[in-house]
Amino acid sequence: MKSRVFSAAILLLFVAAIVIFNDIFPLALNIAVAVVGVFAVVEIVKALGLAKKIVLLTPSLVFAAVLPFLPDGLWHQAANYVYTVVIFSSLILYHDSVTFREAGVIYSMTLLIPSALETLISIRACGGRHGMFYVIISVFAAWTADAGAFAAGSLWGKHKLCPSISPKKTVEGLVGGFVLNVAAMLAFGVVFQQVMYGGQVPVNYLTLALIGLVGAGLSVVGDLSFSLIKRSCHIKDFGDILPGHGGIMDRFDSVIFVSPFVLFLVQIMPIVPPYM
């Protein structure tokens, strides 16, 4: 438990540093997303036993590292296209040593993970001058749901949720994740509105409640999806870089599913009006 708390504190300090330095060094978020994306791709490729496929791994790492620094739109489409051409060209050139399954797995995971994480940068842009508040909401909508599920499951968990995929997950934990996440998102809104701006900036609490509610559900989907991958690979964690938590993927698997939803929702229902 001590190692889990220590790792959580390190992650919180990491996020805090990005928030604090956002005004003077906005690329901090881009760099953080790139680092997490690269580590995540490495971890999942190693877990799948494909780390020796250098002709596939190298362009995947380059794609993960470069994507967060490209403007949205045409540049992203170009990056996706170039990466696709490179991967399938590698498959053709090295078909004797690389299978379609191997290329397909690395290709799909590399498109999914960095692209999903990169939405955090787009979320910041949607928030305008309050963009980092949006980013905080996105990340903690995933992490808080995980924490709530862990705490409630540990205290009251009796009924297994998906025992064949994740034996420790319980229905009680699922409910706890929903309750704590909605409460936390509303609390973030109160702190932002009343403490930071003295009630002068309006906040859409319906949007925050929806992020908490849907985010908790998507957090479980992300967690179970990557638990299924771990189970099929016969591994406990994707890595050990974060003691008590496992690898980068063990901490960001839910963010991968939650942040794209937040990006979609805040474009329809902004948390803070665009003119504020």
Protein backbone atom coordinates (compact mmCIF):
# COMPACT_ATOMS: atom_id res chain seq x y z
CA MET A 1 0.00 0.00 0.00
CA LYS A 2 2.87 2.40 0.83
CA SER A 3 4.40 1.92 -2.62
CA ARG A 4 1.01 2.49 -4.22
CA VAL A 5 0.54 5.76 -2.31
CA PHE A 6 4.10 6.87 -3.14
CA SER A 7 3.61 6.23 -6.86
CA ALA A 8 0.27 8.04 -6.78
CA ALA A 9 1.98 11.04 -5.14
CA ILE A 10 4.65 11.07 -7.87
CA LEU A 11 1.96 11.04 -10.56
CA LEU A 12 0.12 13.90 -8.86
CA LEU A 13 3.33 15.94 -8.64
CA PHE A 14 3.96 15.20 -12.32
CA VAL A 15 0.52 16.50 -13.28
CA ALA A 16 0.91 19.51 -10.96
CA ALA A 17 4.23 20.43 -12.58
CA ILE A 18 2.66 20.37 -16.03
CA VAL A 19 -0.20 22.59 -14.84
CA ILE A 20 2.09 25.07 -13.08
CA PHE A 21 4.46 25.41 -16.03
CA ASN A 22 1.73 25.50 -18.67
CA ASP A 23 1.77 29.29 -19.10
CA ILE A 24 5.55 29.65 -19.40
CA PHE A 25 6.23 26.32 -21.12
CA PRO A 26 3.07 24.96 -22.79
CA LEU A 27 5.05 22.23 -24.56
CA ALA A 28 5.36 20.50 -21.18
CA LEU A 29 2.03 18.78 -21.78
CA ASN A 30 3.06 17.72 -25.30
CA ILE A 31 6.31 16.29 -23.97
CA ALA A 32 4.52 14.46 -21.17
CA VAL A 33 2.02 12.93 -23.61
CA ALA A 34 4.85 11.89 -25.94
CA VAL A 35 6.80 10.26 -23.09
CA VAL A 36 3.76 8.40 -21.78
CA GLY A 37 2.84 7.29 -25.31
CA VAL A 38 6.32 5.95 -26.05
CA PHE A 39 6.55 4.08 -22.74
CA ALA A 40 3.05 2.69 -23.21
CA VAL A 41 3.81 1.38 -26.72
CA VAL A 42 7.06 -0.20 -25.50
CA GLU A 43 5.27 -1.87 -22.58
CA ILE A 44 2.46 -3.36 -24.60
CA VAL A 45 4.76 -4.52 -27.42
CA LYS A 46 7.02 -6.21 -24.85
CA ALA A 47 3.98 -7.78 -23.17
CA LEU A 48 2.90 -9.21 -26.50
CA GLY A 49 6.40 -10.64 -27.02
CA LEU A 50 7.09 -8.52 -30.10
CA ALA A 51 9.90 -6.28 -28.82
CA LYS A 52 12.41 -7.93 -31.16
CA LYS A 53 10.43 -6.87 -34.23
CA ILE A 54 12.57 -3.74 -34.65
CA VAL A 55 11.29 -2.95 -38.15
CA LEU A 56 7.82 -2.59 -36.62
CA LEU A 57 8.75 -1.19 -33.22
CA THR A 58 11.00 1.65 -34.44
CA PRO A 59 8.44 3.46 -36.65
CA SER A 60 5.83 2.90 -33.92
CA LEU A 61 7.96 4.67 -31.33
CA VAL A 62 8.70 7.52 -33.75
CA PHE A 63 4.97 7.91 -34.44
CA ALA A 64 4.16 7.95 -30.69
CA ALA A 65 6.89 10.51 -30.01
CA VAL A 66 6.05 12.88 -32.87
CA LEU A 67 2.22 12.83 -32.89
CA PRO A 68 1.69 15.08 -29.82
CA PHE A 69 3.68 17.89 -31.47
CA LEU A 70 1.72 17.96 -34.74
CA PRO A 71 -1.20 20.33 -35.33
CA ASP A 72 -4.66 18.77 -35.57
CA GLY A 73 -6.22 18.01 -38.92
CA LEU A 74 -4.10 17.55 -42.03
CA TRP A 75 -0.83 16.89 -40.17
CA HIS A 76 -2.41 14.14 -38.07
CA GLN A 77 -3.92 12.55 -41.14
CA ALA A 78 -0.54 12.68 -42.86
CA ALA A 79 1.19 11.10 -39.86
CA ASN A 80 -1.36 8.29 -39.73
CA TYR A 81 -0.98 7.70 -43.47
CA VAL A 82 2.83 7.70 -43.41
CA TYR A 83 2.89 5.35 -40.41
CA THR A 84 0.46 3.01 -42.17
CA VAL A 85 2.58 2.94 -45.34
CA VAL A 86 5.76 2.30 -43.35
CA ILE A 87 4.29 -0.56 -41.32
CA PHE A 88 2.84 -2.37 -44.32
CA SER A 89 5.98 -1.75 -46.37
CA SER A 90 7.93 -3.37 -43.53
CA LEU A 91 5.52 -6.29 -43.62
CA ILE A 92 6.14 -6.73 -47.36
CA LEU A 93 9.92 -6.35 -47.14
CA TYR A 94 10.31 -8.61 -44.11
CA HIS A 95 7.44 -11.05 -44.70
CA ASP A 96 9.77 -13.97 -43.99
CA SER A 97 10.33 -12.81 -40.40
CA VAL A 98 7.25 -10.67 -39.70
CA THR A 99 3.71 -12.01 -39.73
CA PHE A 100 0.55 -10.09 -40.52
CA ARG A 101 -0.68 -10.76 -36.99
CA GLU A 102 2.44 -9.18 -35.49
CA ALA A 103 2.23 -6.15 -37.77
CA GLY A 104 -1.50 -5.81 -37.15
CA VAL A 105 -1.19 -5.94 -33.37
CA ILE A 106 1.61 -3.37 -33.17
CA TYR A 107 -0.10 -1.16 -35.76
CA SER A 108 -3.47 -1.15 -33.99
CA MET A 109 -2.02 -0.57 -30.51
CA THR A 110 0.21 2.25 -31.74
CA LEU A 111 -2.67 4.00 -33.46
CA LEU A 112 -4.92 3.56 -30.41
CA ILE A 113 -2.64 4.54 -27.53
CA PRO A 114 -0.80 7.72 -28.71
CA SER A 115 -3.85 8.98 -30.63
CA ALA A 116 -6.10 8.62 -27.58
CA LEU A 117 -3.58 10.20 -25.22
CA GLU A 118 -2.98 13.04 -27.67
CA THR A 119 -6.60 14.13 -27.24
CA LEU A 120 -5.48 15.69 -23.94
CA ILE A 121 -3.73 18.37 -25.99
CA SER A 122 -6.88 19.01 -28.02
CA ILE A 123 -8.87 19.17 -24.77
CA ARG A 124 -6.54 21.91 -23.52
CA ALA A 125 -7.20 23.86 -26.72
CA CYS A 126 -10.97 23.49 -26.28
CA GLY A 127 -10.76 24.97 -22.80
CA GLY A 128 -9.19 28.23 -23.94
CA ARG A 129 -7.63 30.06 -21.00
CA HIS A 130 -9.02 27.36 -18.71
CA GLY A 131 -7.61 24.56 -20.84
CA MET A 132 -5.54 22.96 -18.09
CA PHE A 133 -8.65 22.70 -15.92
CA TYR A 134 -10.18 20.64 -18.73
CA VAL A 135 -7.06 18.45 -18.86
CA ILE A 136 -7.17 17.89 -15.09
CA ILE A 137 -10.81 16.90 -15.33
CA SER A 138 -10.03 14.45 -18.14
CA VAL A 139 -7.20 12.70 -16.32
CA PHE A 140 -8.86 12.58 -12.93
CA ALA A 141 -12.15 11.38 -14.40
CA ALA A 142 -10.23 8.19 -15.16
CA TRP A 143 -8.00 8.00 -12.09
CA THR A 144 -10.71 8.88 -9.55
CA ALA A 145 -13.00 6.18 -10.91
CA ASP A 146 -10.16 3.68 -10.54
CA ALA A 147 -9.48 4.83 -6.98
CA GLY A 148 -13.16 4.70 -6.04
CA ALA A 149 -13.55 1.21 -7.47
CA PHE A 150 -10.41 0.02 -5.67
CA ALA A 151 -11.49 1.47 -2.31
CA ALA A 152 -15.11 0.32 -2.47
CA GLY A 153 -14.11 -3.10 -3.76
CA SER A 154 -11.56 -3.53 -0.97
CA LEU A 155 -14.06 -2.52 1.72
CA TRP A 156 -17.33 -4.02 0.52
CA GLY A 157 -16.61 -6.12 -2.56
CA LYS A 158 -18.47 -9.44 -2.57
CA HIS A 159 -19.95 -9.90 -6.03
CA LYS A 160 -17.45 -10.46 -8.85
CA LEU A 161 -17.84 -8.25 -11.91
CA CYS A 162 -15.80 -10.10 -14.56
CA PRO A 163 -13.98 -12.92 -12.74
CA SER A 164 -12.66 -14.51 -15.92
CA ILE A 165 -10.92 -11.25 -16.93
CA SER A 166 -10.16 -9.42 -13.68
CA PRO A 167 -10.87 -11.54 -10.57
CA LYS A 168 -10.50 -8.63 -8.14
CA LYS A 169 -13.09 -6.35 -9.72
CA THR A 170 -16.47 -6.35 -8.01
CA VAL A 171 -19.92 -4.88 -8.59
CA GLU A 172 -19.56 -2.95 -5.33
CA GLY A 173 -16.31 -1.50 -6.63
CA LEU A 174 -18.03 -0.48 -9.86
CA VAL A 175 -20.73 1.37 -7.93
CA GLY A 176 -18.11 3.02 -5.71
CA GLY A 177 -16.25 4.20 -8.80
CA PHE A 178 -19.39 5.80 -10.23
CA VAL A 179 -20.31 7.54 -6.96
CA LEU A 180 -16.85 8.89 -6.17
CA ASN A 181 -16.21 10.00 -9.75
CA VAL A 182 -19.39 12.03 -10.06
CA ALA A 183 -18.82 13.55 -6.61
CA ALA A 184 -15.20 14.38 -7.45
CA MET A 185 -16.04 16.04 -10.77
CA LEU A 186 -18.67 18.23 -9.07
CA ALA A 187 -16.18 19.04 -6.30
CA PHE A 188 -13.58 20.05 -8.90
CA GLY A 189 -16.19 22.38 -10.36
CA VAL A 190 -16.95 23.97 -6.98
CA VAL A 191 -13.25 24.50 -6.21
CA PHE A 192 -12.63 25.97 -9.67
CA GLN A 193 -15.66 28.27 -9.57
CA GLN A 194 -15.83 29.35 -5.93
CA VAL A 195 -12.26 29.07 -4.65
CA MET A 196 -10.23 30.05 -7.71
CA TYR A 197 -12.61 32.61 -9.22
CA GLY A 198 -14.86 33.61 -6.31
CA GLY A 199 -18.01 32.58 -8.14
CA GLN A 200 -17.33 34.94 -11.04
CA VAL A 201 -16.84 32.19 -13.65
CA PRO A 202 -19.88 30.01 -14.48
CA VAL A 203 -19.40 26.25 -14.60
CA ASN A 204 -21.63 23.70 -16.32
CA TYR A 205 -22.16 21.12 -13.58
CA LEU A 206 -24.25 18.94 -15.88
CA THR A 207 -21.21 18.48 -18.10
CA LEU A 208 -19.07 17.62 -15.07
CA ALA A 209 -21.67 15.12 -13.83
CA LEU A 210 -21.79 13.46 -17.27
CA ILE A 211 -17.99 13.28 -17.37
CA GLY A 212 -18.03 11.65 -13.94
CA LEU A 213 -20.79 9.21 -14.83
CA VAL A 214 -19.73 8.18 -18.34
CA GLY A 215 -16.05 8.49 -17.45
CA ALA A 216 -16.44 5.92 -14.67
CA GLY A 217 -18.02 3.48 -17.11
CA LEU A 218 -15.36 4.06 -19.77
CA SER A 219 -12.66 3.70 -17.13
CA VAL A 220 -13.89 0.18 -16.42
CA VAL A 221 -14.02 -0.61 -20.15
CA GLY A 222 -10.41 0.54 -20.56
CA ASP A 223 -9.21 -1.31 -17.49
CA LEU A 224 -10.93 -4.56 -18.47
CA SER A 225 -9.79 -4.28 -22.09
CA PHE A 226 -6.14 -4.12 -21.13
CA SER A 227 -6.65 -6.68 -18.35
CA LEU A 228 -7.82 -9.01 -21.09
CA ILE A 229 -4.61 -8.34 -23.01
CA LYS A 230 -2.55 -9.02 -19.88
CA ARG A 231 -4.47 -12.20 -19.20
CA SER A 232 -3.94 -13.46 -22.76
CA CYS A 233 -0.21 -12.70 -22.38
CA HIS A 234 -0.05 -14.37 -18.94
CA ILE A 235 1.41 -11.31 -17.21
CA LYS A 236 0.44 -9.49 -14.00
CA ASP A 237 1.43 -5.95 -14.96
CA PHE A 238 2.71 -4.25 -18.10
CA GLY A 239 5.77 -3.10 -16.17
CA ASP A 240 7.11 -2.01 -12.79
CA ILE A 241 8.06 1.61 -13.38
CA LEU A 242 5.36 2.69 -10.87
CA PRO A 243 5.62 0.57 -7.68
CA GLY A 244 2.21 -0.56 -6.50
CA HIS A 245 0.60 0.39 -9.82
CA GLY A 246 2.64 -1.56 -12.37
CA GLY A 247 3.58 0.06 -15.64
CA ILE A 248 2.56 3.21 -17.47
CA MET A 249 -0.19 1.27 -19.24
CA ASP A 250 -1.61 0.08 -15.92
CA ARG A 251 -2.13 3.71 -14.94
CA PHE A 252 -3.20 5.17 -18.29
CA ASP A 253 -5.36 2.38 -19.73
CA SER A 254 -8.50 4.11 -18.47
CA VAL A 255 -7.32 7.57 -19.61
CA ILE A 256 -7.06 6.17 -23.14
CA PHE A 257 -10.81 5.54 -23.15
CA VAL A 258 -11.97 8.53 -21.07
CA SER A 259 -10.10 11.47 -22.65
CA PRO A 260 -11.55 11.09 -26.20
CA PHE A 261 -15.06 11.12 -24.70
CA VAL A 262 -14.26 14.28 -22.74
CA LEU A 263 -12.97 15.93 -25.92
CA PHE A 264 -16.21 15.07 -27.71
CA LEU A 265 -18.45 16.24 -24.85
CA VAL A 266 -16.78 19.57 -24.09
CA GLN A 267 -17.10 20.62 -27.72
CA ILE A 268 -20.87 20.21 -27.39
CA MET A 269 -21.28 21.20 -23.74
CA PRO A 270 -18.29 23.33 -22.60
CA ILE A 271 -17.50 23.17 -18.90
CA VAL A 272 -16.78 26.91 -18.93
CA PRO A 273 -18.44 29.22 -21.49
CA PRO A 274 -16.00 30.03 -24.34
CA TYR A 275 -16.23 33.78 -23.70
CA MET A 276 -15.00 33.48 -20.08
